[in-house]
PDB file of N, CA and C in Angstrom:
ATOM      1  N   MET A   1       0.727  -1.080   0.120  1.00  0.00           N
ATOM      2  CA  MET A   1       0.043  -0.060   0.058  1.00  0.00           C
ATOM      3  C   MET A   1       0.917   1.219   0.144  1.00  0.00           C
ATOM      4  N   ALA A   2       0.432   2.128  -0.728  1.00  0.00           N
ATOM      5  CA  ALA A   2       1.282   3.512  -0.872  1.00  0.00           C
ATOM      6  C   ALA A   2       1.439   4.457   0.351  1.00  0.00           C
ATOM      7  N   LYS A   3       2.138   5.086   0.627  1.00  0.00           N
ATOM      8  CA  LYS A   3       2.197   5.729   1.793  1.00  0.00           C
ATOM      9  C   LYS A   3       1.349   7.041   1.186  1.00  0.00           C
ATOM     10  N   PRO A   4       0.709   7.760   2.263  1.00  0.00           N
ATOM     11  CA  PRO A   4       0.198   9.108   2.112  1.00  0.00           C
ATOM     12  C   PRO A   4       1.018  10.153   1.289  1.00  0.00           C
ATOM     13  N   GLY A   5       0.556  10.699   0.233  1.00  0.00           N
ATOM     14  CA  GLY A   5       1.554  11.738  -0.553  1.00  0.00           C
ATOM     15  C   GLY A   5       2.553  10.934  -1.594  1.00  0.00           C
ATOM     16  N   LYS A   6       2.377   9.474  -1.351  1.00  0.00           N
ATOM     17  CA  LYS A   6       3.518   9.081  -2.523  1.00  0.00           C
ATOM     18  C   LYS A   6       2.203   8.215  -3.689  1.00  0.00           C
ATOM     19  N   PRO A   7       2.207   8.055  -4.628  1.00  0.00           N
ATOM     20  CA  PRO A   7       1.655   7.543  -5.728  1.00  0.00           C
ATOM     21  C   PRO A   7       2.133   6.030  -5.478  1.00  0.00           C
ATOM     22  N   ALA A   8       1.078   5.223  -5.661  1.00  0.00           N
ATOM     23  CA  ALA A   8       1.157   3.665  -5.268  1.00  0.00           C
ATOM     24  C   ALA A   8       1.803   3.392  -6.812  1.00  0.00           C
ATOM     25  N   GLN A   9       2.713   2.291  -7.098  1.00  0.00           N
ATOM     26  CA  GLN A   9       3.239   2.114  -8.305  1.00  0.00           C
ATOM     27  C   GLN A   9       4.023   0.689  -8.091  1.00  0.00           C
ATOM     28  N   ALA A  10       3.625  -0.073  -9.476  1.00  0.00           N
ATOM     29  CA  ALA A  10       3.943  -1.647  -9.339  1.00  0.00           C
ATOM     30  C   ALA A  10       5.374  -1.597  -9.166  1.00  0.00           C
ATOM     31  N   PRO A  11       5.640  -2.388  -9.037  1.00  0.00           N
ATOM     32  CA  PRO A  11       7.350  -2.682  -8.384  1.00  0.00           C
ATOM     33  C   PRO A  11       7.937  -2.797  -9.944  1.00  0.00           C
ATOM     34  N   GLY A  12       9.138  -2.271 -10.357  1.00  0.00           N
ATOM     35  CA  GLY A  12       9.512  -2.054 -11.580  1.00  0.00           C
ATOM     36  C   GLY A  12       8.953  -1.800 -13.269  1.00  0.00           C
ATOM     37  N   VAL A  13       7.541  -1.053 -12.728  1.00  0.00           N
ATOM     38  CA  VAL A  13       7.236  -0.371 -13.833  1.00  0.00           C
ATOM     39  C   VAL A  13       7.417   1.384 -13.787  1.00  0.00           C
ATOM     40  N   ASP A  14       8.000   1.679 -14.612  1.00  0.00           N
ATOM     41  CA  ASP A  14       8.208   2.948 -15.063  1.00  0.00           C
ATOM     42  C   ASP A  14       7.127   3.648 -15.803  1.00  0.00           C
ATOM     43  N   LEU A  15       6.034   4.462 -15.217  1.00  0.00           N
ATOM     44  CA  LEU A  15       4.814   4.622 -15.850  1.00  0.00           C
ATOM     45  C   LEU A  15       5.248   6.412 -16.658  1.00  0.00           C
ATOM     46  N   SER A  16       6.176   6.766 -16.469  1.00  0.00           N
ATOM     47  CA  SER A  16       6.594   8.034 -17.103  1.00  0.00           C
ATOM     48  C   SER A  16       7.036   7.958 -18.313  1.00  0.00           C
ATOM     49  N   ASP A  17       7.290   6.868 -19.337  1.00  0.00           N
ATOM     50  CA  ASP A  17       7.234   6.563 -20.244  1.00  0.00           C
ATOM     51  C   ASP A  17       5.692   6.614 -21.358  1.00  0.00           C
ATOM     52  N   TYR A  18       5.137   6.301 -20.736  1.00  0.00           N
ATOM     53  CA  TYR A  18       3.589   6.185 -21.353  1.00  0.00           C
ATOM     54  C   TYR A  18       2.986   7.641 -21.533  1.00  0.00           C
ATOM     55  N   ASN A  19       2.255   7.381 -22.836  1.00  0.00           N
ATOM     56  CA  ASN A  19       1.696   8.682 -22.967  1.00  0.00           C
ATOM     57  C   ASN A  19       0.268   8.921 -22.413  1.00  0.00           C
ATOM     58  N   LEU A  20      -0.459   9.887 -22.671  1.00  0.00           N
ATOM     59  CA  LEU A  20      -1.555   9.720 -21.819  1.00  0.00           C
ATOM     60  C   LEU A  20      -2.805   8.890 -22.267  1.00  0.00           C
ATOM     61  N   GLY A  21      -2.916   8.748 -23.986  1.00  0.00           N
ATOM     62  CA  GLY A  21      -3.489   7.889 -24.391  1.00  0.00           C
ATOM     63  C   GLY A  21      -3.233   6.259 -23.672  1.00  0.00           C
ATOM     64  N   GLU A  22      -2.414   5.812 -23.627  1.00  0.00           N
ATOM     65  CA  GLU A  22      -1.664   4.524 -23.337  1.00  0.00           C
ATOM     66  C   GLU A  22      -1.930   4.576 -21.344  1.00  0.00           C
ATOM     67  N   LEU A  23      -1.695   5.470 -20.962  1.00  0.00           N
ATOM     68  CA  LEU A  23      -2.009   5.707 -19.354  1.00  0.00           C
ATOM     69  C   LEU A  23      -3.408   5.576 -19.435  1.00  0.00           C
ATOM     70  N   LYS A  24      -4.474   6.020 -19.916  1.00  0.00           N
ATOM     71  CA  LYS A  24      -5.985   5.871 -19.766  1.00  0.00           C
ATOM     72  C   LYS A  24      -6.488   4.316 -20.327  1.00  0.00           C
ATOM     73  N   GLY A  25      -5.627   4.051 -21.074  1.00  0.00           N
ATOM     74  CA  GLY A  25      -5.942   2.608 -21.519  1.00  0.00           C
ATOM     75  C   GLY A  25      -5.685   1.386 -20.383  1.00  0.00           C
ATOM     76  N   LEU A  26      -4.260   1.981 -19.929  1.00  0.00           N
ATOM     77  CA  LEU A  26      -3.948   1.144 -18.647  1.00  0.00           C
ATOM     78  C   LEU A  26      -4.792   1.462 -17.547  1.00  0.00           C
ATOM     79  N   LEU A  27      -5.130   2.490 -17.186  1.00  0.00           N
ATOM     80  CA  LEU A  27      -6.516   2.730 -16.299  1.00  0.00           C
ATOM     81  C   LEU A  27      -7.667   2.372 -16.233  1.00  0.00           C
ATOM     82  N   PHE A  28      -7.949   1.977 -17.488  1.00  0.00           N
ATOM     83  CA  PHE A  28      -9.290   1.253 -17.680  1.00  0.00           C
ATOM     84  C   PHE A  28      -9.293  -0.403 -17.723  1.00  0.00           C
ATOM     85  N   GLU A  29      -7.989  -0.618 -18.279  1.00  0.00           N
ATOM     86  CA  GLU A  29      -7.891  -2.358 -17.933  1.00  0.00           C
ATOM     87  C   GLU A  29      -7.796  -2.659 -16.326  1.00  0.00           C
ATOM     88  N   VAL A  30      -7.111  -1.570 -15.992  1.00  0.00           N
ATOM     89  CA  VAL A  30      -7.046  -2.086 -14.298  1.00  0.00           C
ATOM     90  C   VAL A  30      -8.331  -1.892 -13.563  1.00  0.00           C
ATOM     91  N   GLY A  31      -9.135  -1.134 -14.140  1.00  0.00           N
ATOM     92  CA  GLY A  31     -10.306  -1.092 -13.401  1.00  0.00           C
ATOM     93  C   GLY A  31     -11.373  -2.154 -13.707  1.00  0.00           C
ATOM     94  N   GLN A  32     -11.014  -2.591 -14.971  1.00  0.00           N
ATOM     95  CA  GLN A  32     -11.965  -3.726 -15.237  1.00  0.00           C
ATOM     96  C   GLN A  32     -11.300  -5.053 -14.311  1.00  0.00           C
ATOM     97  N   ALA A  33     -10.110  -5.464 -14.354  1.00  0.00           N
ATOM     98  CA  ALA A  33      -9.415  -5.966 -13.463  1.00  0.00           C
ATOM     99  C   ALA A  33     -10.202  -6.009 -11.973  1.00  0.00           C
ATOM    100  N   ILE A  34     -10.028  -4.956 -11.584  1.00  0.00           N
ATOM    101  CA  ILE A  34     -10.512  -4.581 -10.279  1.00  0.00           C
ATOM    102  C   ILE A  34     -12.094  -5.069 -10.084  1.00  0.00           C
ATOM    103  N   ARG A  35     -12.657  -4.643 -11.200  1.00  0.00           N
ATOM    104  CA  ARG A  35     -14.208  -5.301 -10.900  1.00  0.00           C
ATOM    105  C   ARG A  35     -14.370  -6.859 -10.807  1.00  0.00           C
ATOM    106  N   GLU A  36     -13.481  -7.375 -11.870  1.00  0.00           N
ATOM    107  CA  GLU A  36     -13.634  -8.850 -12.132  1.00  0.00           C
ATOM    108  C   GLU A  36     -12.933  -9.658 -10.648  1.00  0.00           C
ATOM    109  N   HIS A  37     -12.184  -9.120  -9.882  1.00  0.00           N
ATOM    110  CA  HIS A  37     -11.459  -9.464  -9.013  1.00  0.00           C
ATOM    111  C   HIS A  37     -12.514  -9.450  -7.562  1.00  0.00           C
ATOM    112  N   HIS A  38     -13.312  -8.233  -7.649  1.00  0.00           N
ATOM    113  CA  HIS A  38     -14.307  -8.101  -6.680  1.00  0.00           C
ATOM    114  C   HIS A  38     -15.411  -8.937  -6.948  1.00  0.00           C
ATOM    115  N   ARG A  39     -15.766  -9.063  -8.111  1.00  0.00           N
ATOM    116  CA  ARG A  39     -16.844  -9.910  -8.518  1.00  0.00           C
ATOM    117  C   ARG A  39     -16.695 -11.450  -7.991  1.00  0.00           C
ATOM    118  N   ARG A  40     -15.395 -11.596  -8.206  1.00  0.00           N
ATOM    119  CA  ARG A  40     -14.895 -13.099  -7.997  1.00  0.00           C
ATOM    120  C   ARG A  40     -15.007 -13.287  -6.187  1.00  0.00           C
ATOM    121  N   ASP A  41     -14.773 -12.591  -5.933  1.00  0.00           N
ATOM    122  CA  ASP A  41     -14.417 -12.361  -4.468  1.00  0.00           C
ATOM    123  C   ASP A  41     -15.699 -12.674  -3.528  1.00  0.00           C
ATOM    124  N   VAL A  42     -16.606 -11.623  -4.109  1.00  0.00           N
ATOM    125  CA  VAL A  42     -17.832 -11.734  -3.904  1.00  0.00           C
ATOM    126  C   VAL A  42     -18.757 -12.964  -4.055  1.00  0.00           C
ATOM    127  N   ALA A  43     -18.681 -13.641  -5.169  1.00  0.00           N
ATOM    128  CA  ALA A  43     -19.164 -14.698  -5.588  1.00  0.00           C
ATOM    129  C   ALA A  43     -18.794 -16.125  -4.768  1.00  0.00           C
ATOM    130  N   GLU A  44     -17.123 -15.970  -4.563  1.00  0.00           N
ATOM    131  CA  GLU A  44     -16.574 -16.939  -3.348  1.00  0.00           C
ATOM    132  C   GLU A  44     -17.215 -16.821  -2.027  1.00  0.00           C
ATOM    133  N   ALA A  45     -17.263 -15.747  -1.619  1.00  0.00           N
ATOM    134  CA  ALA A  45     -17.623 -15.206  -0.169  1.00  0.00           C
ATOM    135  C   ALA A  45     -19.264 -16.019   0.073  1.00  0.00           C
ATOM    136  N   ARG A  46     -20.006 -15.474  -1.141  1.00  0.00           N
ATOM    137  CA  ARG A  46     -21.387 -16.072  -0.891  1.00  0.00           C
ATOM    138  C   ARG A  46     -21.654 -17.598  -1.069  1.00  0.00           C
ATOM    139  N   GLU A  47     -20.916 -18.141  -1.651  1.00  0.00           N
ATOM    140  CA  GLU A  47     -20.986 -19.546  -1.712  1.00  0.00           C
ATOM    141  C   GLU A  47     -20.522 -20.085  -0.486  1.00  0.00           C
ATOM    142  N   ARG A  48     -19.369 -19.349   0.126  1.00  0.00           N
ATOM    143  CA  ARG A  48     -18.731 -20.151   1.501  1.00  0.00           C
ATOM    144  C   ARG A  48     -20.190 -19.967   2.391  1.00  0.00           C
ATOM    145  N   ILE A  49     -20.810 -18.703   2.615  1.00  0.00           N
ATOM    146  CA  ILE A  49     -21.894 -18.499   3.513  1.00  0.00           C
ATOM    147  C   ILE A  49     -22.515 -19.373   3.213  1.00  0.00           C
ATOM    148  N   MET A  50     -23.318 -19.838   2.003  1.00  0.00           N
ATOM    149  CA  MET A  50     -24.379 -20.533   1.678  1.00  0.00           C
ATOM    150  C   MET A  50     -23.680 -21.899   2.217  1.00  0.00           C
ATOM    151  N   THR A  51     -22.504 -22.337   2.150  1.00  0.00           N
ATOM    152  CA  THR A  51     -22.179 -23.744   2.430  1.00  0.00           C
ATOM    153  C   THR A  51     -22.297 -23.981   3.849  1.00  0.00           C
ATOM    154  N   ILE A  52     -21.771 -22.889   4.799  1.00  0.00           N
ATOM    155  CA  ILE A  52     -21.816 -22.987   6.085  1.00  0.00           C
ATOM    156  C   ILE A  52     -23.516 -22.822   6.419  1.00  0.00           C
ATOM    157  N   ALA A  53     -24.224 -22.181   6.207  1.00  0.00           N
ATOM    158  CA  ALA A  53     -25.444 -21.802   6.688  1.00  0.00           C
ATOM    159  C   ALA A  53     -26.132 -23.371   6.163  1.00  0.00           C
ATOM    160  N   ARG A  54     -26.209 -23.870   4.734  1.00  0.00           N
ATOM    161  CA  ARG A  54     -26.981 -25.061   4.699  1.00  0.00           C
ATOM    162  C   ARG A  54     -26.344 -26.474   5.720  1.00  0.00           C
ATOM    163  N   GLY A  55     -24.740 -26.161   6.194  1.00  0.00           N
ATOM    164  CA  GLY A  55     -24.349 -27.278   6.950  1.00  0.00           C
ATOM    165  C   GLY A  55     -25.050 -26.961   8.361  1.00  0.00           C
ATOM    166  N   ALA A  56     -25.500 -25.662   8.284  1.00  0.00           N
ATOM    167  CA  ALA A  56     -26.387 -25.297  10.060  1.00  0.00           C
ATOM    168  C   ALA A  56     -28.011 -25.808   9.769  1.00  0.00           C
ATOM    169  N   GLY A  57     -28.159 -25.956   8.460  1.00  0.00           N
ATOM    170  CA  GLY A  57     -29.670 -26.374   8.178  1.00  0.00           C
ATOM    171  C   GLY A  57     -30.551 -25.120   8.238  1.00  0.00           C
ATOM    172  N   LEU A  58     -29.852 -24.085   7.829  1.00  0.00           N
ATOM    173  CA  LEU A  58     -30.408 -22.990   7.481  1.00  0.00           C
ATOM    174  C   LEU A  58     -30.788 -22.507   6.135  1.00  0.00           C
ATOM    175  N   PRO A  59     -32.135 -21.796   5.860  1.00  0.00           N
ATOM    176  CA  PRO A  59     -32.336 -21.354   4.290  1.00  0.00           C
ATOM    177  C   PRO A  59     -30.971 -20.653   3.699  1.00  0.00           C
ATOM    178  N   ALA A  60     -30.272 -20.931   3.245  1.00  0.00           N
ATOM    179  CA  ALA A  60     -29.193 -20.163   2.775  1.00  0.00           C
ATOM    180  C   ALA A  60     -29.663 -18.982   1.919  1.00  0.00           C
ATOM    181  N   GLU A  61     -30.333 -19.355   0.892  1.00  0.00           N
ATOM    182  CA  GLU A  61     -30.741 -18.471   0.080  1.00  0.00           C
ATOM    183  C   GLU A  61     -31.568 -17.035   0.595  1.00  0.00           C
ATOM    184  N   LYS A  62     -32.190 -17.366   1.807  1.00  0.00           N
ATOM    185  CA  LYS A  62     -32.884 -16.492   2.287  1.00  0.00           C
ATOM    186  C   LYS A  62     -32.272 -15.428   2.784  1.00  0.00           C
ATOM    187  N   LEU A  63     -30.883 -16.058   3.487  1.00  0.00           N
ATOM    188  CA  LEU A  63     -29.757 -15.044   3.766  1.00  0.00           C
ATOM    189  C   LEU A  63     -29.308 -14.080   3.212  1.00  0.00           C
ATOM    190  N   LEU A  64     -29.214 -14.293   1.796  1.00  0.00           N
ATOM    191  CA  LEU A  64     -28.384 -13.274   0.854  1.00  0.00           C
ATOM    192  C   LEU A  64     -29.375 -12.680  -0.031  1.00  0.00           C
ATOM    193  N   ASP A  65     -30.688 -12.809   0.199  1.00  0.00           N
ATOM    194  CA  ASP A  65     -31.626 -12.147  -0.736  1.00  0.00           C
ATOM    195  C   ASP A  65     -32.125 -10.782   0.135  1.00  0.00           C
ATOM    196  N   GLY A  66     -32.538  -9.864  -0.930  1.00  0.00           N
ATOM    197  CA  GLY A  66     -33.237  -8.743  -0.163  1.00  0.00           C
ATOM    198  C   GLY A  66     -32.143  -7.562   0.231  1.00  0.00           C
ATOM    199  N   ALA A  67     -32.726  -6.549  -0.291  1.00  0.00           N
ATOM    200  CA  ALA A  67     -32.125  -5.174  -0.301  1.00  0.00           C
ATOM    201  C   ALA A  67     -32.562  -4.437   1.204  1.00  0.00           C
ATOM    202  N   ALA A  68     -31.793  -3.623   1.630  1.00  0.00           N
ATOM    203  CA  ALA A  68     -32.075  -2.666   2.818  1.00  0.00           C
ATOM    204  C   ALA A  68     -33.137  -1.589   2.348  1.00  0.00           C
ATOM    205  N   VAL A  69     -34.267  -1.827   3.361  1.00  0.00           N
ATOM    206  CA  VAL A  69     -35.197  -1.036   3.182  1.00  0.00           C
ATOM    207  C   VAL A  69     -35.141   0.478   3.333  1.00  0.00           C
ATOM    208  N   LEU A  70     -35.535   1.249   2.402  1.00  0.00           N
ATOM    209  CA  LEU A  70     -34.859   2.639   2.718  1.00  0.00           C
ATOM    210  C   LEU A  70     -35.804   3.345   3.724  1.00  0.00           C
ATOM    211  N   PRO A  71     -35.739   4.442   4.345  1.00  0.00           N
ATOM    212  CA  PRO A  71     -36.181   5.096   5.349  1.00  0.00           C
ATOM    213  C   PRO A  71     -36.956   5.542   5.017  1.00  0.00           C
ATOM    214  N   ARG A  72     -38.632   5.682   5.732  1.00  0.00           N
ATOM    215  CA  ARG A  72     -39.895   6.398   5.062  1.00  0.00           C
ATOM    216  C   ARG A  72     -39.952   7.514   6.251  1.00  0.00           C
ATOM    217  N   TYR A  73     -39.271   7.410   7.205  1.00  0.00           N
ATOM    218  CA  TYR A  73     -39.716   8.669   8.275  1.00  0.00           C
ATOM    219  C   TYR A  73     -38.299   9.404   8.618  1.00  0.00           C
ATOM    220  N   ARG A  74     -38.120  10.673   9.256  1.00  0.00           N
ATOM    221  CA  ARG A  74     -36.649  11.128   9.359  1.00  0.00           C
ATOM    222  C   ARG A  74     -37.169  11.996  10.576  1.00  0.00           C
ATOM    223  N   ASN A  75     -36.452  11.900  11.486  1.00  0.00           N
ATOM    224  CA  ASN A  75     -36.428  12.615  12.726  1.00  0.00           C
ATOM    225  C   ASN A  75     -36.320  14.650  12.427  1.00  0.00           C
ATOM    226  N   PRO A  76     -36.886  15.180  12.174  1.00  0.00           N
ATOM    227  CA  PRO A  76     -37.154  16.788  12.023  1.00  0.00           C
ATOM    228  C   PRO A  76     -36.088  17.309  12.864  1.00  0.00           C
ATOM    229  N   ASP A  77     -35.961  16.912  14.074  1.00  0.00           N
ATOM    230  CA  ASP A  77     -34.827  17.578  15.233  1.00  0.00           C
ATOM    231  C   ASP A  77     -33.433  16.918  14.791  1.00  0.00           C
ATOM    232  N   ASP A  78     -33.130  15.991  14.032  1.00  0.00           N
ATOM    233  CA  ASP A  78     -32.005  15.196  14.201  1.00  0.00           C
ATOM    234  C   ASP A  78     -32.350  14.301  12.953  1.00  0.00           C
ATOM    235  N   PRO A  79     -31.893  14.440  11.296  1.00  0.00           N
ATOM    236  CA  PRO A  79     -32.149  14.363  10.378  1.00  0.00           C
ATOM    237  C   PRO A  79     -31.074  12.649  10.068  1.00  0.00           C
ATOM    238  N   SER A  80     -30.157  12.394  11.198  1.00  0.00           N
ATOM    239  CA  SER A  80     -29.774  11.384  10.767  1.00  0.00           C
ATOM    240  C   SER A  80     -30.456  10.171  11.724  1.00  0.00           C
ATOM    241  N   GLN A  81     -31.254  10.362  12.332  1.00  0.00           N
ATOM    242  CA  GLN A  81     -32.344   9.411  12.834  1.00  0.00           C
ATOM    243  C   GLN A  81     -33.421   9.065  11.541  1.00  0.00           C
ATOM    244  N   THR A  82     -33.388   7.738  11.404  1.00  0.00           N
ATOM    245  CA  THR A  82     -34.274   7.437  10.427  1.00  0.00           C
ATOM    246  C   THR A  82     -35.066   6.269  10.829  1.00  0.00           C
ATOM    247  N   TRP A  83     -36.668   5.734   9.854  1.00  0.00           N
ATOM    248  CA  TRP A  83     -37.336   4.793  10.472  1.00  0.00           C
ATOM    249  C   TRP A  83     -37.804   4.349   9.186  1.00  0.00           C
ATOM    250  N   SER A  84     -37.979   3.132   9.079  1.00  0.00           N
ATOM    251  CA  SER A  84     -38.374   2.566   7.946  1.00  0.00           C
ATOM    252  C   SER A  84     -39.902   2.472   7.511  1.00  0.00           C
ATOM    253  N   GLY A  85     -40.466   2.317   8.852  1.00  0.00           N
ATOM    254  CA  GLY A  85     -41.830   2.284   9.306  1.00  0.00           C
ATOM    255  C   GLY A  85     -42.180   0.428   9.713  1.00  0.00           C
ATOM    256  N   ARG A  86     -41.269  -0.074   9.645  1.00  0.00           N
ATOM    257  CA  ARG A  86     -41.121  -1.729   9.780  1.00  0.00           C
ATOM    258  C   ARG A  86     -40.751  -1.579  11.262  1.00  0.00           C
ATOM    259  N   GLY A  87     -41.479  -2.742  11.825  1.00  0.00           N
ATOM    260  CA  GLY A  87     -40.622  -2.910  13.357  1.00  0.00           C
ATOM    261  C   GLY A  87     -41.602  -1.797  14.329  1.00  0.00           C
ATOM    262  N   ARG A  88     -40.366  -2.209  15.737  1.00  0.00           N
ATOM    263  CA  ARG A  88     -40.724  -1.442  16.358  1.00  0.00           C
ATOM    264  C   ARG A  88     -40.492   0.188  16.397  1.00  0.00           C
ATOM    265  N   GLN A  89     -41.635   1.080  16.550  1.00  0.00           N
ATOM    266  CA  GLN A  89     -41.109   2.519  16.338  1.00  0.00           C
ATOM    267  C   GLN A  89     -40.123   3.046  17.580  1.00  0.00           C
ATOM    268  N   PRO A  90     -39.020   3.636  16.562  1.00  0.00           N
ATOM    269  CA  PRO A  90     -37.757   4.225  17.858  1.00  0.00           C
ATOM    270  C   PRO A  90     -38.442   5.259  18.720  1.00  0.00           C
ATOM    271  N   THR A  91     -37.932   5.602  19.697  1.00  0.00           N
ATOM    272  CA  THR A  91     -38.236   6.521  20.745  1.00  0.00           C
ATOM    273  C   THR A  91     -38.649   7.768  19.999  1.00  0.00           C
ATOM    274  N   TRP A  92     -37.874   8.179  19.347  1.00  0.00           N
ATOM    275  CA  TRP A  92     -37.747   9.707  18.530  1.00  0.00           C
ATOM    276  C   TRP A  92     -39.279   9.788  17.784  1.00  0.00           C
ATOM    277  N   VAL A  93     -39.874   8.656  17.520  1.00  0.00           N
ATOM    278  CA  VAL A  93     -40.828   8.542  16.635  1.00  0.00           C
ATOM    279  C   VAL A  93     -42.161   8.659  17.450  1.00  0.00           C
ATOM    280  N   ALA A  94     -41.891   7.911  18.641  1.00  0.00           N
ATOM    281  CA  ALA A  94     -42.879   7.936  19.611  1.00  0.00           C
ATOM    282  C   ALA A  94     -43.021   9.143  20.345  1.00  0.00           C
ATOM    283  N   ASP A  95     -42.135   9.854  20.557  1.00  0.00           N
ATOM    284  CA  ASP A  95     -41.766  10.991  21.460  1.00  0.00           C
ATOM    285  C   ASP A  95     -42.419  12.187  20.252  1.00  0.00           C
ATOM    286  N   ALA A  96     -42.217  12.079  19.026  1.00  0.00           N
ATOM    287  CA  ALA A  96     -42.846  13.361  18.234  1.00  0.00           C
ATOM    288  C   ALA A  96     -44.500  13.003  18.048  1.00  0.00           C
ATOM    289  N   LEU A  97     -45.081  11.912  17.777  1.00  0.00           N
ATOM    290  CA  LEU A  97     -46.276  11.393  18.085  1.00  0.00           C
ATOM    291  C   LEU A  97     -47.067  12.125  19.587  1.00  0.00           C
ATOM    292  N   ALA A  98     -46.253  11.574  20.673  1.00  0.00           N
ATOM    293  CA  ALA A  98     -46.709  12.050  21.961  1.00  0.00           C
ATOM    294  C   ALA A  98     -47.091  13.514  22.003  1.00  0.00           C
ATOM    295  N   SER A  99     -46.044  14.161  21.117  1.00  0.00           N
ATOM    296  CA  SER A  99     -46.035  15.859  21.036  1.00  0.00           C
ATOM    297  C   SER A  99     -47.022  16.310  20.250  1.00  0.00           C
ATOM    298  N   GLY A 100     -47.808  15.299  19.667  1.00  0.00           N
ATOM    299  CA  GLY A 100     -49.144  15.769  18.713  1.00  0.00           C
ATOM    300  C   GLY A 100     -48.324  16.269  17.029  1.00  0.00           C
ATOM    301  N   ARG A 101     -47.246  15.498  16.806  1.00  0.00           N
ATOM    302  CA  ARG A 101     -47.071  15.294  15.503  1.00  0.00           C
ATOM    303  C   ARG A 101     -47.589  14.104  14.757  1.00  0.00           C
ATOM    304  N   THR A 102     -47.671  14.378  13.497  1.00  0.00           N
ATOM    305  CA  THR A 102     -48.127  12.707  12.899  1.00  0.00           C
ATOM    306  C   THR A 102     -47.316  12.231  12.065  1.00  0.00           C
ATOM    307  N   LEU A 103     -47.473  10.884  11.783  1.00  0.00           N
ATOM    308  CA  LEU A 103     -46.659  10.076  10.794  1.00  0.00           C
ATOM    309  C   LEU A 103     -46.374  10.843   9.673  1.00  0.00           C
ATOM    310  N   ASP A 104     -47.198  11.719   8.931  1.00  0.00           N
ATOM    311  CA  ASP A 104     -47.297  12.549   7.721  1.00  0.00           C
ATOM    312  C   ASP A 104     -46.021  13.477   7.974  1.00  0.00           C
ATOM    313  N   GLN A 105     -46.347  14.111   8.940  1.00  0.00           N
ATOM    314  CA  GLN A 105     -45.026  15.062   9.170  1.00  0.00           C
ATOM    315  C   GLN A 105     -43.574  14.895   9.188  1.00  0.00           C
ATOM    316  N   LEU A 106     -43.544  13.290   9.613  1.00  0.00           N
ATOM    317  CA  LEU A 106     -42.208  12.683   9.641  1.00  0.00           C
ATOM    318  C   LEU A 106     -41.738  12.045   8.655  1.00  0.00           C
ATOM    319  N   LYS A 107     -42.385  12.168   7.278  1.00  0.00           N
ATOM    320  CA  LYS A 107     -41.924  11.549   6.105  1.00  0.00           C
ATOM    321  C   LYS A 107     -40.909  12.110   5.452  1.00  0.00           C
ATOM    322  N   SER A 108     -39.971  11.222   5.129  1.00  0.00           N
ATOM    323  CA  SER A 108     -38.684  11.939   4.642  1.00  0.00           C
ATOM    324  C   SER A 108     -38.963  12.548   3.201  1.00  0.00           C
TER     325      SER A 108
END
């Protein structure tokens, strides 16, 4: 890993001999290689998780499905506090409702 302030460079590669077009082409190829490595790593991790889950008798497919639910409500006093509307109401929602606010007023 490169130190702060120093560019990372492959050992024995002198990039100063490349023109701008060649460097952009190299950057594109590196980006593709990174995406492919990431895709492969995710697929391998997913398979390991599913193998462990199956061994434990769990429905492995359900463990990896589903996206995060987007928040439907936001605390007007602290916008970092959100709630999807599912499950138990957070304290800030209960407090807002007790003070006379409605859920419609809390919608993001």
